Amino acid sequence: MAGERYNDEYKTAAVRQCTPEGHSVSGVADRLGVTTKSLYNWKARFGDDLAAYQSKKSSDDELRRLKAELKRVARGGRILHHFQHRWIYQ
């Protein structure tokens, strides 16, 4: 499966399976059909504190959404200003 992309949910589920009491990284990687390097990279990225990563991700998503909304509203304000100016000076 060279070059296949996995979403964050898949990666975090894979990382959750790699616990000291549970399955080894190599066992999980074999079972899922991914390389051990990928699984170690996912562990490094998501870490042991999965809740903190998910919280940060949701905050980043909300910030991205708010920036897009601000950009949309600002663009609407410029359009409104343009038409008000044209109406006043007709």
N, C-alpha and C. Protein backbone atom coordinates (compact mmCIF):
# COMPACT_ATOMS: atom_id res chain seq x y z
N MET A 1 0.83 -1.19 0.00
CA MET A 1 0.00 0.00 0.00
C MET A 1 0.87 1.25 0.00
N ALA A 2 1.80 1.30 -0.88
CA ALA A 2 2.73 2.43 -0.93
C ALA A 2 2.00 3.71 -1.27
N GLY A 3 2.27 4.74 -0.52
CA GLY A 3 1.72 6.06 -0.80
C GLY A 3 0.27 6.24 -0.36
N GLU A 4 -0.30 5.29 0.33
CA GLU A 4 -1.69 5.43 0.77
C GLU A 4 -1.78 6.42 1.92
N ARG A 5 -2.82 7.23 1.90
CA ARG A 5 -3.03 8.23 2.95
C ARG A 5 -4.09 7.75 3.92
N TYR A 6 -3.85 8.01 5.18
CA TYR A 6 -4.80 7.63 6.22
C TYR A 6 -5.23 8.88 6.97
N ASN A 7 -6.51 8.93 7.36
CA ASN A 7 -6.97 10.10 8.10
C ASN A 7 -6.53 9.99 9.56
N ASP A 8 -6.67 11.10 10.28
CA ASP A 8 -6.20 11.15 11.67
C ASP A 8 -6.94 10.17 12.57
N GLU A 9 -8.21 9.91 12.29
CA GLU A 9 -8.97 8.96 13.12
C GLU A 9 -8.37 7.56 13.01
N TYR A 10 -8.02 7.19 11.79
CA TYR A 10 -7.41 5.87 11.57
C TYR A 10 -6.07 5.78 12.31
N LYS A 11 -5.28 6.85 12.19
CA LYS A 11 -3.96 6.86 12.82
C LYS A 11 -4.06 6.80 14.34
N THR A 12 -4.99 7.56 14.90
CA THR A 12 -5.11 7.56 16.36
C THR A 12 -5.63 6.21 16.86
N ALA A 13 -6.50 5.59 16.08
CA ALA A 13 -6.98 4.25 16.46
C ALA A 13 -5.83 3.25 16.43
N ALA A 14 -4.97 3.38 15.45
CA ALA A 14 -3.80 2.49 15.36
C ALA A 14 -2.87 2.72 16.55
N VAL A 15 -2.64 3.98 16.90
CA VAL A 15 -1.75 4.30 18.02
C VAL A 15 -2.32 3.78 19.33
N ARG A 16 -3.65 3.86 19.50
CA ARG A 16 -4.28 3.37 20.73
C ARG A 16 -4.07 1.88 20.92
N GLN A 17 -3.90 1.14 19.83
CA GLN A 17 -3.70 -0.30 19.94
C GLN A 17 -2.30 -0.65 20.44
N CYS A 18 -1.37 0.27 20.32
CA CYS A 18 0.02 0.04 20.73
C CYS A 18 0.21 0.48 22.18
N THR A 19 -0.13 -0.38 23.08
CA THR A 19 0.03 -0.07 24.49
C THR A 19 0.99 -1.07 25.10
N PRO A 20 1.66 -0.69 26.19
CA PRO A 20 2.58 -1.64 26.83
C PRO A 20 1.87 -2.94 27.24
N GLU A 21 0.59 -2.85 27.64
CA GLU A 21 -0.14 -4.04 28.05
C GLU A 21 -0.78 -4.75 26.85
N GLY A 22 -0.88 -4.04 25.73
CA GLY A 22 -1.59 -4.57 24.57
C GLY A 22 -0.66 -5.16 23.53
N HIS A 23 -0.77 -4.65 22.34
CA HIS A 23 -0.05 -5.20 21.20
C HIS A 23 1.23 -4.41 20.92
N SER A 24 2.19 -5.08 20.31
CA SER A 24 3.44 -4.42 19.95
C SER A 24 3.24 -3.59 18.69
N VAL A 25 4.14 -2.65 18.48
CA VAL A 25 4.07 -1.81 17.29
C VAL A 25 4.17 -2.67 16.03
N SER A 26 5.10 -3.61 16.03
CA SER A 26 5.27 -4.45 14.84
C SER A 26 4.03 -5.32 14.59
N GLY A 27 3.40 -5.80 15.65
CA GLY A 27 2.19 -6.61 15.50
C GLY A 27 1.04 -5.81 14.94
N VAL A 28 0.86 -4.61 15.46
CA VAL A 28 -0.21 -3.73 14.97
C VAL A 28 0.05 -3.34 13.52
N ALA A 29 1.30 -3.00 13.22
CA ALA A 29 1.66 -2.60 11.85
C ALA A 29 1.39 -3.74 10.88
N ASP A 30 1.77 -4.96 11.23
CA ASP A 30 1.51 -6.11 10.36
C ASP A 30 0.02 -6.32 10.16
N ARG A 31 -0.72 -6.25 11.22
CA ARG A 31 -2.16 -6.48 11.15
C ARG A 31 -2.87 -5.42 10.30
N LEU A 32 -2.42 -4.16 10.39
CA LEU A 32 -3.06 -3.07 9.64
C LEU A 32 -2.49 -2.89 8.24
N GLY A 33 -1.35 -3.53 7.98
CA GLY A 33 -0.75 -3.39 6.66
C GLY A 33 -0.02 -2.07 6.45
N VAL A 34 0.53 -1.53 7.53
CA VAL A 34 1.33 -0.29 7.44
C VAL A 34 2.74 -0.62 7.91
N THR A 35 3.65 0.27 7.62
CA THR A 35 5.02 0.04 8.05
C THR A 35 5.18 0.41 9.53
N THR A 36 6.16 -0.21 10.16
CA THR A 36 6.42 0.14 11.56
C THR A 36 6.90 1.58 11.65
N LYS A 37 7.61 2.06 10.63
CA LYS A 37 8.07 3.46 10.62
C LYS A 37 6.87 4.41 10.66
N SER A 38 5.86 4.12 9.86
CA SER A 38 4.65 4.96 9.87
C SER A 38 4.01 4.97 11.25
N LEU A 39 3.89 3.79 11.82
CA LEU A 39 3.26 3.69 13.13
C LEU A 39 4.06 4.41 14.21
N TYR A 40 5.39 4.31 14.17
CA TYR A 40 6.22 5.07 15.12
C TYR A 40 6.08 6.57 14.89
N ASN A 41 5.99 6.98 13.62
CA ASN A 41 5.78 8.41 13.32
C ASN A 41 4.45 8.89 13.88
N TRP A 42 3.41 8.06 13.73
CA TRP A 42 2.10 8.43 14.25
C TRP A 42 2.14 8.52 15.77
N LYS A 43 2.86 7.60 16.41
CA LYS A 43 2.99 7.65 17.87
C LYS A 43 3.70 8.93 18.30
N ALA A 44 4.73 9.32 17.55
CA ALA A 44 5.46 10.54 17.88
C ALA A 44 4.56 11.77 17.68
N ARG A 45 3.74 11.74 16.64
CA ARG A 45 2.88 12.89 16.34
C ARG A 45 1.73 13.01 17.34
N PHE A 46 1.04 11.91 17.58
CA PHE A 46 -0.13 11.96 18.44
C PHE A 46 0.22 11.75 19.90
N GLY A 47 1.33 11.11 20.14
CA GLY A 47 1.84 10.94 21.49
C GLY A 47 0.93 10.13 22.39
N ASP A 48 1.32 10.08 23.63
CA ASP A 48 0.53 9.36 24.62
C ASP A 48 -0.67 10.17 25.06
N ASP A 49 -0.59 11.49 24.86
CA ASP A 49 -1.68 12.36 25.29
C ASP A 49 -2.60 12.65 24.10
N LEU A 50 -3.36 11.66 23.72
CA LEU A 50 -4.24 11.75 22.56
C LEU A 50 -5.33 12.80 22.77
N ALA A 51 -5.82 12.93 23.99
CA ALA A 51 -6.88 13.91 24.27
C ALA A 51 -6.38 15.33 24.03
N ALA A 52 -5.14 15.61 24.41
CA ALA A 52 -4.58 16.95 24.20
C ALA A 52 -4.45 17.24 22.71
N TYR A 53 -4.02 16.24 21.93
CA TYR A 53 -3.91 16.44 20.49
C TYR A 53 -5.27 16.73 19.88
N GLN A 54 -6.29 15.96 20.26
CA GLN A 54 -7.62 16.16 19.70
C GLN A 54 -8.20 17.51 20.11
N SER A 55 -7.91 17.95 21.32
CA SER A 55 -8.38 19.26 21.77
C SER A 55 -7.72 20.37 20.96
N LYS A 56 -6.41 20.24 20.74
CA LYS A 56 -5.69 21.23 19.95
C LYS A 56 -6.20 21.24 18.52
N LYS A 57 -6.46 20.08 17.96
CA LYS A 57 -6.97 19.99 16.59
C LYS A 57 -8.33 20.65 16.48
N SER A 58 -9.22 20.44 17.44
CA SER A 58 -10.54 21.07 17.37
C SER A 58 -10.41 22.58 17.53
N SER A 59 -9.46 23.03 18.35
CA SER A 59 -9.23 24.48 18.49
C SER A 59 -8.70 25.07 17.18
N ASP A 60 -7.80 24.35 16.53
CA ASP A 60 -7.27 24.81 15.25
C ASP A 60 -8.36 24.86 14.19
N ASP A 61 -9.24 23.86 14.17
CA ASP A 61 -10.35 23.84 13.22
C ASP A 61 -11.29 25.02 13.45
N GLU A 62 -11.58 25.31 14.71
CA GLU A 62 -12.46 26.43 15.05
C GLU A 62 -11.82 27.76 14.65
N LEU A 63 -10.52 27.90 14.89
CA LEU A 63 -9.82 29.12 14.49
C LEU A 63 -9.86 29.30 12.98
N ARG A 64 -9.64 28.22 12.24
CA ARG A 64 -9.68 28.27 10.78
C ARG A 64 -11.08 28.68 10.30
N ARG A 65 -12.12 28.14 10.94
CA ARG A 65 -13.49 28.47 10.57
C ARG A 65 -13.79 29.95 10.85
N LEU A 66 -13.34 30.44 12.01
CA LEU A 66 -13.59 31.84 12.37
C LEU A 66 -12.84 32.81 11.45
N LYS A 67 -11.63 32.45 11.06
CA LYS A 67 -10.88 33.30 10.13
C LYS A 67 -11.59 33.39 8.78
N ALA A 68 -12.12 32.26 8.31
CA ALA A 68 -12.85 32.27 7.04
C ALA A 68 -14.11 33.11 7.15
N GLU A 69 -14.81 33.01 8.28
CA GLU A 69 -16.02 33.80 8.50
C GLU A 69 -15.69 35.29 8.55
N LEU A 70 -14.61 35.65 9.24
CA LEU A 70 -14.19 37.05 9.31
C LEU A 70 -13.85 37.59 7.92
N LYS A 71 -13.17 36.79 7.13
CA LYS A 71 -12.81 37.20 5.77
C LYS A 71 -14.08 37.43 4.94
N ARG A 72 -15.07 36.52 5.08
CA ARG A 72 -16.32 36.64 4.34
C ARG A 72 -17.07 37.91 4.76
N VAL A 73 -17.14 38.17 6.06
CA VAL A 73 -17.86 39.35 6.56
C VAL A 73 -17.14 40.64 6.14
N ALA A 74 -15.82 40.64 6.20
CA ALA A 74 -15.06 41.83 5.81
C ALA A 74 -15.28 42.13 4.32
N ARG A 75 -15.30 41.09 3.51
CA ARG A 75 -15.52 41.27 2.08
C ARG A 75 -16.92 41.84 1.85
N GLY A 76 -17.90 41.36 2.60
CA GLY A 76 -19.27 41.88 2.48
C GLY A 76 -19.34 43.34 2.89
N GLY A 77 -18.59 43.72 3.91
CA GLY A 77 -18.56 45.11 4.35
C GLY A 77 -17.98 46.04 3.30
N ARG A 78 -16.95 45.59 2.61
CA ARG A 78 -16.35 46.41 1.55
C ARG A 78 -17.33 46.60 0.40
N ILE A 79 -18.07 45.56 0.07
CA ILE A 79 -19.06 45.67 -1.00
C ILE A 79 -20.16 46.63 -0.61
N LEU A 80 -20.63 46.52 0.62
CA LEU A 80 -21.67 47.41 1.11
C LEU A 80 -21.19 48.86 1.09
N HIS A 81 -19.98 49.10 1.55
CA HIS A 81 -19.41 50.44 1.56
C HIS A 81 -19.35 51.00 0.14
N HIS A 82 -18.95 50.18 -0.81
CA HIS A 82 -18.86 50.61 -2.21
C HIS A 82 -20.22 51.07 -2.72
N PHE A 83 -21.27 50.28 -2.45
CA PHE A 83 -22.60 50.64 -2.94
C PHE A 83 -23.17 51.84 -2.19
N GLN A 84 -22.88 51.98 -0.91
CA GLN A 84 -23.34 53.16 -0.17
C GLN A 84 -22.70 54.41 -0.76
N HIS A 85 -21.43 54.35 -1.06
CA HIS A 85 -20.70 55.48 -1.61
C HIS A 85 -21.29 55.86 -2.97
N ARG A 86 -21.58 54.88 -3.80
CA ARG A 86 -22.15 55.16 -5.12
C ARG A 86 -23.54 55.75 -4.99
N TRP A 87 -24.34 55.30 -4.03
CA TRP A 87 -25.70 55.77 -3.85
C TRP A 87 -25.69 57.23 -3.38
N ILE A 88 -24.79 57.56 -2.45
CA ILE A 88 -24.73 58.92 -1.90
C ILE A 88 -24.34 59.94 -2.97
N TYR A 89 -23.40 59.58 -3.83
CA TYR A 89 -22.86 60.53 -4.80
C TYR A 89 -23.50 60.41 -6.17
N GLN A 90 -24.67 59.83 -6.28
CA GLN A 90 -25.37 59.78 -7.59
C GLN A 90 -26.08 61.07 -7.86
